[in-house]
Amino acid sequence: MGAALALGHALGVNALIAAEILPEIEAVMVRTLNAQMEGSRHG
């Protein structure tokens, strides 16, 4: 989480906003990673 907040800070994103939307971003990242891993397993 610290790295994500640091990245947001570097991009000029308010830390409170970044902390608020981080769970949604994390969920998308996990779904995408899972889909990629599933695809590599079958193809």
PDB file of N, CA and C in Angstrom:
ATOM      1  N   MET A   1       0.822  -1.188   0.000  1.00  0.00           N
ATOM      2  CA  MET A   1       0.000   0.000   0.000  1.00  0.00           C
ATOM      3  C   MET A   1       0.862   1.246   0.000  1.00  0.00           C
ATOM      4  N   GLY A   2       1.992   1.169   0.696  1.00  0.00           N
ATOM      5  CA  GLY A   2       2.893   2.314   0.733  1.00  0.00           C
ATOM      6  C   GLY A   2       3.413   2.672  -0.643  1.00  0.00           C
ATOM      7  N   ALA A   3       3.721   1.651  -1.432  1.00  0.00           N
ATOM      8  CA  ALA A   3       4.221   1.901  -2.784  1.00  0.00           C
ATOM      9  C   ALA A   3       3.137   2.527  -3.653  1.00  0.00           C
ATOM     10  N   ALA A   4       1.911   2.069  -3.494  1.00  0.00           N
ATOM     11  CA  ALA A   4       0.817   2.628  -4.288  1.00  0.00           C
ATOM     12  C   ALA A   4       0.574   4.089  -3.915  1.00  0.00           C
ATOM     13  N   LEU A   5       0.645   4.405  -2.640  1.00  0.00           N
ATOM     14  CA  LEU A   5       0.471   5.787  -2.213  1.00  0.00           C
ATOM     15  C   LEU A   5       1.624   6.657  -2.690  1.00  0.00           C
ATOM     16  N   ALA A   6       2.843   6.104  -2.678  1.00  0.00           N
ATOM     17  CA  ALA A   6       3.999   6.847  -3.173  1.00  0.00           C
ATOM     18  C   ALA A   6       3.864   7.122  -4.670  1.00  0.00           C
ATOM     19  N   LEU A   7       3.370   6.144  -5.414  1.00  0.00           N
ATOM     20  CA  LEU A   7       3.150   6.332  -6.846  1.00  0.00           C
ATOM     21  C   LEU A   7       2.093   7.404  -7.087  1.00  0.00           C
ATOM     22  N   GLY A   8       1.015   7.348  -6.319  1.00  0.00           N
ATOM     23  CA  GLY A   8      -0.016   8.368  -6.432  1.00  0.00           C
ATOM     24  C   GLY A   8       0.523   9.758  -6.131  1.00  0.00           C
ATOM     25  N   HIS A   9       1.345   9.848  -5.101  1.00  0.00           N
ATOM     26  CA  HIS A   9       1.959  11.131  -4.746  1.00  0.00           C
ATOM     27  C   HIS A   9       2.832  11.637  -5.892  1.00  0.00           C
ATOM     28  N   ALA A  10       3.616  10.737  -6.486  1.00  0.00           N
ATOM     29  CA  ALA A  10       4.485  11.123  -7.601  1.00  0.00           C
ATOM     30  C   ALA A  10       3.667  11.611  -8.799  1.00  0.00           C
ATOM     31  N   LEU A  11       2.465  11.081  -8.947  1.00  0.00           N
ATOM     32  CA  LEU A  11       1.593  11.488 -10.049  1.00  0.00           C
ATOM     33  C   LEU A  11       0.739  12.699  -9.700  1.00  0.00           C
ATOM     34  N   GLY A  12       0.869  13.171  -8.464  1.00  0.00           N
ATOM     35  CA  GLY A  12       0.123  14.350  -8.042  1.00  0.00           C
ATOM     36  C   GLY A  12      -1.276  14.060  -7.537  1.00  0.00           C
ATOM     37  N   VAL A  13      -1.538  12.803  -7.166  1.00  0.00           N
ATOM     38  CA  VAL A  13      -2.856  12.422  -6.661  1.00  0.00           C
ATOM     39  C   VAL A  13      -2.886  12.636  -5.150  1.00  0.00           C
ATOM     40  N   ASN A  14      -3.957  13.229  -4.671  1.00  0.00           N
ATOM     41  CA  ASN A  14      -4.136  13.439  -3.238  1.00  0.00           C
ATOM     42  C   ASN A  14      -4.133  12.091  -2.525  1.00  0.00           C
ATOM     43  N   ALA A  15      -3.401  11.988  -1.406  1.00  0.00           N
ATOM     44  CA  ALA A  15      -3.258  10.723  -0.684  1.00  0.00           C
ATOM     45  C   ALA A  15      -4.607  10.186  -0.195  1.00  0.00           C
ATOM     46  N   LEU A  16      -5.508  11.057   0.230  1.00  0.00           N
ATOM     47  CA  LEU A  16      -6.821  10.595   0.693  1.00  0.00           C
ATOM     48  C   LEU A  16      -7.635   9.997  -0.449  1.00  0.00           C
ATOM     49  N   ILE A  17      -7.538  10.605  -1.610  1.00  0.00           N
ATOM     50  CA  ILE A  17      -8.249  10.070  -2.778  1.00  0.00           C
ATOM     51  C   ILE A  17      -7.637   8.738  -3.199  1.00  0.00           C
ATOM     52  N   ALA A  18      -6.319   8.685  -3.212  1.00  0.00           N
ATOM     53  CA  ALA A  18      -5.645   7.438  -3.587  1.00  0.00           C
ATOM     54  C   ALA A  18      -6.024   6.310  -2.629  1.00  0.00           C
ATOM     55  N   ALA A  19      -6.059   6.590  -1.332  1.00  0.00           N
ATOM     56  CA  ALA A  19      -6.423   5.572  -0.348  1.00  0.00           C
ATOM     57  C   ALA A  19      -7.878   5.141  -0.516  1.00  0.00           C
ATOM     58  N   GLU A  20      -8.717   6.063  -0.934  1.00  0.00           N
ATOM     59  CA  GLU A  20     -10.140   5.753  -1.127  1.00  0.00           C
ATOM     60  C   GLU A  20     -10.356   4.824  -2.321  1.00  0.00           C
ATOM     61  N   ILE A  21      -9.633   5.042  -3.420  1.00  0.00           N
ATOM     62  CA  ILE A  21      -9.865   4.240  -4.626  1.00  0.00           C
ATOM     63  C   ILE A  21      -8.936   3.032  -4.735  1.00  0.00           C
ATOM     64  N   LEU A  22      -7.974   2.923  -3.836  1.00  0.00           N
ATOM     65  CA  LEU A  22      -7.018   1.816  -3.910  1.00  0.00           C
ATOM     66  C   LEU A  22      -7.669   0.435  -3.890  1.00  0.00           C
ATOM     67  N   PRO A  23      -8.670   0.180  -3.046  1.00  0.00           N
ATOM     68  CA  PRO A  23      -9.290  -1.161  -3.071  1.00  0.00           C
ATOM     69  C   PRO A  23      -9.889  -1.524  -4.423  1.00  0.00           C
ATOM     70  N   GLU A  24     -10.511  -0.566  -5.111  1.00  0.00           N
ATOM     71  CA  GLU A  24     -11.078  -0.852  -6.424  1.00  0.00           C
ATOM     72  C   GLU A  24      -9.984  -1.154  -7.438  1.00  0.00           C
ATOM     73  N   ILE A  25      -8.906  -0.383  -7.394  1.00  0.00           N
ATOM     74  CA  ILE A  25      -7.781  -0.613  -8.307  1.00  0.00           C
ATOM     75  C   ILE A  25      -7.164  -1.986  -8.040  1.00  0.00           C
ATOM     76  N   GLU A  26      -7.008  -2.316  -6.774  1.00  0.00           N
ATOM     77  CA  GLU A  26      -6.435  -3.614  -6.416  1.00  0.00           C
ATOM     78  C   GLU A  26      -7.309  -4.757  -6.928  1.00  0.00           C
ATOM     79  N   ALA A  27      -8.624  -4.614  -6.811  1.00  0.00           N
ATOM     80  CA  ALA A  27      -9.534  -5.663  -7.275  1.00  0.00           C
ATOM     81  C   ALA A  27      -9.402  -5.883  -8.776  1.00  0.00           C
ATOM     82  N   VAL A  28      -9.287  -4.806  -9.541  1.00  0.00           N
ATOM     83  CA  VAL A  28      -9.108  -4.924 -10.987  1.00  0.00           C
ATOM     84  C   VAL A  28      -7.777  -5.597 -11.301  1.00  0.00           C
ATOM     85  N   MET A  29      -6.738  -5.216 -10.583  1.00  0.00           N
ATOM     86  CA  MET A  29      -5.421  -5.819 -10.812  1.00  0.00           C
ATOM     87  C   MET A  29      -5.445  -7.317 -10.533  1.00  0.00           C
ATOM     88  N   VAL A  30      -6.102  -7.730  -9.451  1.00  0.00           N
ATOM     89  CA  VAL A  30      -6.173  -9.147  -9.100  1.00  0.00           C
ATOM     90  C   VAL A  30      -6.960  -9.927 -10.145  1.00  0.00           C
ATOM     91  N   ARG A  31      -8.108  -9.373 -10.579  1.00  0.00           N
ATOM     92  CA  ARG A  31      -8.902 -10.069 -11.618  1.00  0.00           C
ATOM     93  C   ARG A  31      -8.103 -10.214 -12.905  1.00  0.00           C
ATOM     94  N   THR A  32      -7.388  -9.162 -13.300  1.00  0.00           N
ATOM     95  CA  THR A  32      -6.597  -9.208 -14.528  1.00  0.00           C
ATOM     96  C   THR A  32      -5.470 -10.224 -14.416  1.00  0.00           C
ATOM     97  N   LEU A  33      -4.782 -10.210 -13.288  1.00  0.00           N
ATOM     98  CA  LEU A  33      -3.693 -11.160 -13.081  1.00  0.00           C
ATOM     99  C   LEU A  33      -4.219 -12.594 -13.096  1.00  0.00           C
ATOM    100  N   ASN A  34      -5.337 -12.831 -12.426  1.00  0.00           N
ATOM    101  CA  ASN A  34      -5.929 -14.173 -12.425  1.00  0.00           C
ATOM    102  C   ASN A  34      -6.317 -14.614 -13.828  1.00  0.00           C
ATOM    103  N   ALA A  35      -6.881 -13.718 -14.618  1.00  0.00           N
ATOM    104  CA  ALA A  35      -7.264 -14.056 -15.987  1.00  0.00           C
ATOM    105  C   ALA A  35      -6.035 -14.387 -16.828  1.00  0.00           C
ATOM    106  N   GLN A  36      -4.968 -13.630 -16.638  1.00  0.00           N
ATOM    107  CA  GLN A  36      -3.743 -13.893 -17.391  1.00  0.00           C
ATOM    108  C   GLN A  36      -3.138 -15.232 -16.983  1.00  0.00           C
ATOM    109  N   MET A  37      -3.147 -15.531 -15.697  1.00  0.00           N
ATOM    110  CA  MET A  37      -2.600 -16.806 -15.231  1.00  0.00           C
ATOM    111  C   MET A  37      -3.441 -17.971 -15.733  1.00  0.00           C
ATOM    112  N   GLU A  38      -4.759 -17.802 -15.732  1.00  0.00           N
ATOM    113  CA  GLU A  38      -5.642 -18.850 -16.235  1.00  0.00           C
ATOM    114  C   GLU A  38      -5.414 -19.060 -17.734  1.00  0.00           C
ATOM    115  N   GLY A  39      -5.236 -17.987 -18.477  1.00  0.00           N
ATOM    116  CA  GLY A  39      -4.984 -18.095 -19.909  1.00  0.00           C
ATOM    117  C   GLY A  39      -3.675 -18.790 -20.220  1.00  0.00           C
ATOM    118  N   SER A  40      -2.645 -18.519 -19.451  1.00  0.00           N
ATOM    119  CA  SER A  40      -1.352 -19.157 -19.695  1.00  0.00           C
ATOM    120  C   SER A  40      -1.384 -20.632 -19.330  1.00  0.00           C
ATOM    121  N   ARG A  41      -2.264 -20.997 -18.426  1.00  0.00           N
ATOM    122  CA  ARG A  41      -2.380 -22.391 -18.021  1.00  0.00           C
ATOM    123  C   ARG A  41      -3.053 -23.225 -19.100  1.00  0.00           C
ATOM    124  N   HIS A  42      -3.984 -22.589 -19.859  1.00  0.00           N
ATOM    125  CA  HIS A  42      -4.738 -23.314 -20.882  1.00  0.00           C
ATOM    126  C   HIS A  42      -4.206 -23.077 -22.296  1.00  0.00           C
ATOM    127  N   GLY A  43      -3.246 -22.223 -22.439  1.00  0.00           N
ATOM    128  CA  GLY A  43      -2.873 -21.928 -23.815  1.00  0.00           C
ATOM    129  C   GLY A  43      -1.449 -21.841 -23.959  1.00  0.00           C
TER     130      GLY A  43
END
